[in-house]
Amino acid sequence: MTGQPPPDERTPGRVRDRDVVVLLTGVVVGVLAANLLSAAVPGLDQVLAGAPVLVLLLLGATALVLVRALRRPGS
């Protein structure tokens, strides 16, 4: 008995290695799926090449993180 919570208990706000691995795996699968989709649909690769898709996705993700951080109670 060390006075610490058991390892399977989740502490709110604490990121675990498994969470990071699952998130990054999802990102990789999403990128690969988008790549396959753009290769399968004629002309879609040219549309994606000309549009700032990555910049728009990063801006959207940043806005989402900021909104969640500002709405979190106790912050």
N, C-alpha and C. Protein backbone atom coordinates (compact mmCIF):
# COMPACT_ATOMS: atom_id res chain seq x y z
N MET A 1 0.84 -1.18 0.00
CA MET A 1 0.00 0.00 0.00
C MET A 1 0.88 1.24 0.00
N THR A 2 0.92 1.90 -1.13
CA THR A 2 1.75 3.09 -1.26
C THR A 2 0.95 4.37 -1.14
N GLY A 3 -0.36 4.27 -1.02
CA GLY A 3 -1.18 5.46 -0.91
C GLY A 3 -1.57 6.04 -2.27
N GLN A 4 -1.12 5.43 -3.36
CA GLN A 4 -1.47 5.89 -4.70
C GLN A 4 -2.68 5.11 -5.19
N PRO A 5 -3.47 5.75 -6.07
CA PRO A 5 -4.62 5.02 -6.63
C PRO A 5 -4.16 3.87 -7.50
N PRO A 6 -4.98 2.85 -7.62
CA PRO A 6 -4.61 1.74 -8.50
C PRO A 6 -4.36 2.22 -9.92
N PRO A 7 -3.50 1.54 -10.68
CA PRO A 7 -3.14 2.00 -12.01
C PRO A 7 -4.31 2.01 -12.99
N ASP A 8 -5.36 1.24 -12.74
CA ASP A 8 -6.47 1.21 -13.68
C ASP A 8 -7.46 2.35 -13.45
N GLU A 9 -7.31 3.09 -12.35
CA GLU A 9 -8.18 4.22 -12.08
C GLU A 9 -7.73 5.42 -12.89
N ARG A 10 -8.67 6.06 -13.56
CA ARG A 10 -8.33 7.21 -14.41
C ARG A 10 -8.42 8.49 -13.60
N THR A 11 -7.39 9.30 -13.68
CA THR A 11 -7.39 10.60 -13.05
C THR A 11 -7.85 11.61 -14.09
N PRO A 12 -8.88 12.41 -13.79
CA PRO A 12 -9.35 13.39 -14.78
C PRO A 12 -8.25 14.36 -15.17
N GLY A 13 -8.13 14.61 -16.47
CA GLY A 13 -7.14 15.56 -16.95
C GLY A 13 -5.77 14.97 -17.18
N ARG A 14 -5.57 13.73 -16.86
CA ARG A 14 -4.27 13.12 -17.04
C ARG A 14 -4.26 12.29 -18.32
N VAL A 15 -3.28 12.53 -19.17
CA VAL A 15 -3.18 11.82 -20.43
C VAL A 15 -2.30 10.60 -20.22
N ARG A 16 -2.79 9.48 -20.71
CA ARG A 16 -2.03 8.24 -20.58
C ARG A 16 -1.40 7.91 -21.92
N ASP A 17 -0.34 7.11 -21.89
CA ASP A 17 0.36 6.72 -23.12
C ASP A 17 -0.59 6.03 -24.09
N ARG A 18 -1.46 5.21 -23.57
CA ARG A 18 -2.39 4.48 -24.42
C ARG A 18 -3.32 5.44 -25.16
N ASP A 19 -3.75 6.51 -24.50
CA ASP A 19 -4.60 7.51 -25.14
C ASP A 19 -3.88 8.17 -26.32
N VAL A 20 -2.61 8.48 -26.14
CA VAL A 20 -1.82 9.12 -27.19
C VAL A 20 -1.64 8.17 -28.36
N VAL A 21 -1.36 6.91 -28.07
CA VAL A 21 -1.17 5.92 -29.14
C VAL A 21 -2.46 5.72 -29.92
N VAL A 22 -3.59 5.66 -29.23
CA VAL A 22 -4.88 5.49 -29.91
C VAL A 22 -5.17 6.70 -30.79
N LEU A 23 -4.93 7.90 -30.28
CA LEU A 23 -5.17 9.11 -31.05
C LEU A 23 -4.28 9.16 -32.29
N LEU A 24 -3.00 8.89 -32.13
CA LEU A 24 -2.09 8.93 -33.27
C LEU A 24 -2.41 7.84 -34.29
N THR A 25 -2.84 6.68 -33.82
CA THR A 25 -3.25 5.62 -34.74
C THR A 25 -4.46 6.07 -35.55
N GLY A 26 -5.40 6.73 -34.91
CA GLY A 26 -6.56 7.25 -35.63
C GLY A 26 -6.17 8.29 -36.67
N VAL A 27 -5.22 9.15 -36.33
CA VAL A 27 -4.76 10.16 -37.29
C VAL A 27 -4.11 9.50 -38.49
N VAL A 28 -3.26 8.52 -38.26
CA VAL A 28 -2.58 7.82 -39.36
C VAL A 28 -3.59 7.10 -40.24
N VAL A 29 -4.55 6.42 -39.63
CA VAL A 29 -5.57 5.71 -40.41
C VAL A 29 -6.40 6.71 -41.22
N GLY A 30 -6.72 7.85 -40.64
CA GLY A 30 -7.47 8.87 -41.36
C GLY A 30 -6.71 9.42 -42.56
N VAL A 31 -5.42 9.67 -42.38
CA VAL A 31 -4.60 10.18 -43.49
C VAL A 31 -4.48 9.13 -44.59
N LEU A 32 -4.27 7.88 -44.21
CA LEU A 32 -4.19 6.82 -45.22
C LEU A 32 -5.51 6.64 -45.96
N ALA A 33 -6.62 6.74 -45.24
CA ALA A 33 -7.93 6.63 -45.88
C ALA A 33 -8.17 7.79 -46.85
N ALA A 34 -7.79 8.99 -46.46
CA ALA A 34 -7.92 10.13 -47.36
C ALA A 34 -7.05 9.97 -48.59
N ASN A 35 -5.86 9.40 -48.41
CA ASN A 35 -4.97 9.16 -49.53
C ASN A 35 -5.57 8.14 -50.50
N LEU A 36 -6.12 7.07 -49.96
CA LEU A 36 -6.75 6.06 -50.81
C LEU A 36 -7.97 6.64 -51.53
N LEU A 37 -8.76 7.44 -50.83
CA LEU A 37 -9.94 8.04 -51.44
C LEU A 37 -9.55 8.99 -52.57
N SER A 38 -8.52 9.80 -52.35
CA SER A 38 -8.10 10.74 -53.39
C SER A 38 -7.49 10.01 -54.58
N ALA A 39 -6.90 8.84 -54.35
CA ALA A 39 -6.36 8.06 -55.47
C ALA A 39 -7.47 7.35 -56.24
N ALA A 40 -8.55 7.00 -55.56
CA ALA A 40 -9.63 6.26 -56.20
C ALA A 40 -10.58 7.16 -56.99
N VAL A 41 -10.73 8.40 -56.56
CA VAL A 41 -11.67 9.32 -57.22
C VAL A 41 -10.88 10.19 -58.19
N PRO A 42 -11.17 10.08 -59.47
CA PRO A 42 -10.43 10.88 -60.46
C PRO A 42 -10.63 12.38 -60.22
N GLY A 43 -9.54 13.11 -60.26
CA GLY A 43 -9.60 14.56 -60.10
C GLY A 43 -9.56 15.05 -58.67
N LEU A 44 -9.83 14.18 -57.71
CA LEU A 44 -9.85 14.62 -56.31
C LEU A 44 -8.45 14.98 -55.82
N ASP A 45 -7.44 14.29 -56.33
CA ASP A 45 -6.07 14.61 -55.90
C ASP A 45 -5.67 16.03 -56.33
N GLN A 46 -6.14 16.46 -57.51
CA GLN A 46 -5.84 17.82 -57.96
C GLN A 46 -6.57 18.86 -57.12
N VAL A 47 -7.80 18.55 -56.73
CA VAL A 47 -8.57 19.47 -55.88
C VAL A 47 -7.90 19.63 -54.53
N LEU A 48 -7.48 18.52 -53.94
CA LEU A 48 -6.83 18.57 -52.63
C LEU A 48 -5.46 19.23 -52.70
N ALA A 49 -4.77 19.07 -53.84
CA ALA A 49 -3.45 19.68 -53.99
C ALA A 49 -3.55 21.20 -54.08
N GLY A 50 -4.65 21.71 -54.63
CA GLY A 50 -4.79 23.15 -54.79
C GLY A 50 -5.42 23.84 -53.60
N ALA A 51 -6.04 23.09 -52.72
CA ALA A 51 -6.73 23.70 -51.58
C ALA A 51 -5.87 23.60 -50.32
N PRO A 52 -5.92 24.60 -49.48
CA PRO A 52 -5.16 24.56 -48.23
C PRO A 52 -5.87 23.71 -47.17
N VAL A 53 -6.09 22.44 -47.48
CA VAL A 53 -6.85 21.56 -46.60
C VAL A 53 -6.17 21.39 -45.25
N LEU A 54 -4.88 21.19 -45.28
CA LEU A 54 -4.14 20.97 -44.03
C LEU A 54 -4.22 22.19 -43.12
N VAL A 55 -4.07 23.37 -43.69
CA VAL A 55 -4.13 24.59 -42.89
C VAL A 55 -5.52 24.75 -42.28
N LEU A 56 -6.57 24.49 -43.07
CA LEU A 56 -7.93 24.60 -42.55
C LEU A 56 -8.20 23.59 -41.44
N LEU A 57 -7.70 22.37 -41.61
CA LEU A 57 -7.88 21.35 -40.56
C LEU A 57 -7.15 21.74 -39.28
N LEU A 58 -5.95 22.26 -39.40
CA LEU A 58 -5.20 22.68 -38.22
C LEU A 58 -5.88 23.86 -37.51
N LEU A 59 -6.40 24.80 -38.28
CA LEU A 59 -7.11 25.92 -37.67
C LEU A 59 -8.38 25.45 -36.96
N GLY A 60 -9.09 24.53 -37.58
CA GLY A 60 -10.30 24.00 -36.95
C GLY A 60 -9.99 23.23 -35.67
N ALA A 61 -8.94 22.42 -35.71
CA ALA A 61 -8.56 21.65 -34.52
C ALA A 61 -8.09 22.58 -33.40
N THR A 62 -7.37 23.63 -33.75
CA THR A 62 -6.92 24.59 -32.75
C THR A 62 -8.11 25.30 -32.11
N ALA A 63 -9.07 25.69 -32.92
CA ALA A 63 -10.26 26.35 -32.39
C ALA A 63 -11.03 25.41 -31.46
N LEU A 64 -11.14 24.16 -31.84
CA LEU A 64 -11.84 23.17 -31.01
C LEU A 64 -11.14 22.99 -29.66
N VAL A 65 -9.83 22.90 -29.68
CA VAL A 65 -9.07 22.74 -28.43
C VAL A 65 -9.23 23.97 -27.55
N LEU A 66 -9.19 25.16 -28.14
CA LEU A 66 -9.35 26.37 -27.36
C LEU A 66 -10.74 26.47 -26.74
N VAL A 67 -11.77 26.13 -27.51
CA VAL A 67 -13.13 26.17 -26.98
C VAL A 67 -13.29 25.19 -25.83
N ARG A 68 -12.77 23.98 -26.00
CA ARG A 68 -12.87 22.99 -24.92
C ARG A 68 -12.10 23.43 -23.68
N ALA A 69 -10.95 24.04 -23.88
CA ALA A 69 -10.16 24.50 -22.72
C ALA A 69 -10.85 25.65 -21.99
N LEU A 70 -11.50 26.53 -22.74
CA LEU A 70 -12.17 27.65 -22.10
C LEU A 70 -13.46 27.24 -21.41
N ARG A 71 -14.11 26.20 -21.88
CA ARG A 71 -15.38 25.75 -21.29
C ARG A 71 -15.18 24.77 -20.15
N ARG A 72 -13.95 24.30 -19.93
CA ARG A 72 -13.69 23.33 -18.87
C ARG A 72 -13.89 23.98 -17.51
N PRO A 73 -14.68 23.35 -16.66
CA PRO A 73 -14.89 23.94 -15.33
C PRO A 73 -13.62 23.88 -14.48
N GLY A 74 -13.40 24.92 -13.72
CA GLY A 74 -12.26 24.95 -12.83
C GLY A 74 -11.00 25.49 -13.47
N SER A 75 -11.08 25.93 -14.73
CA SER A 75 -9.90 26.46 -15.40
C SER A 75 -9.85 27.96 -15.28
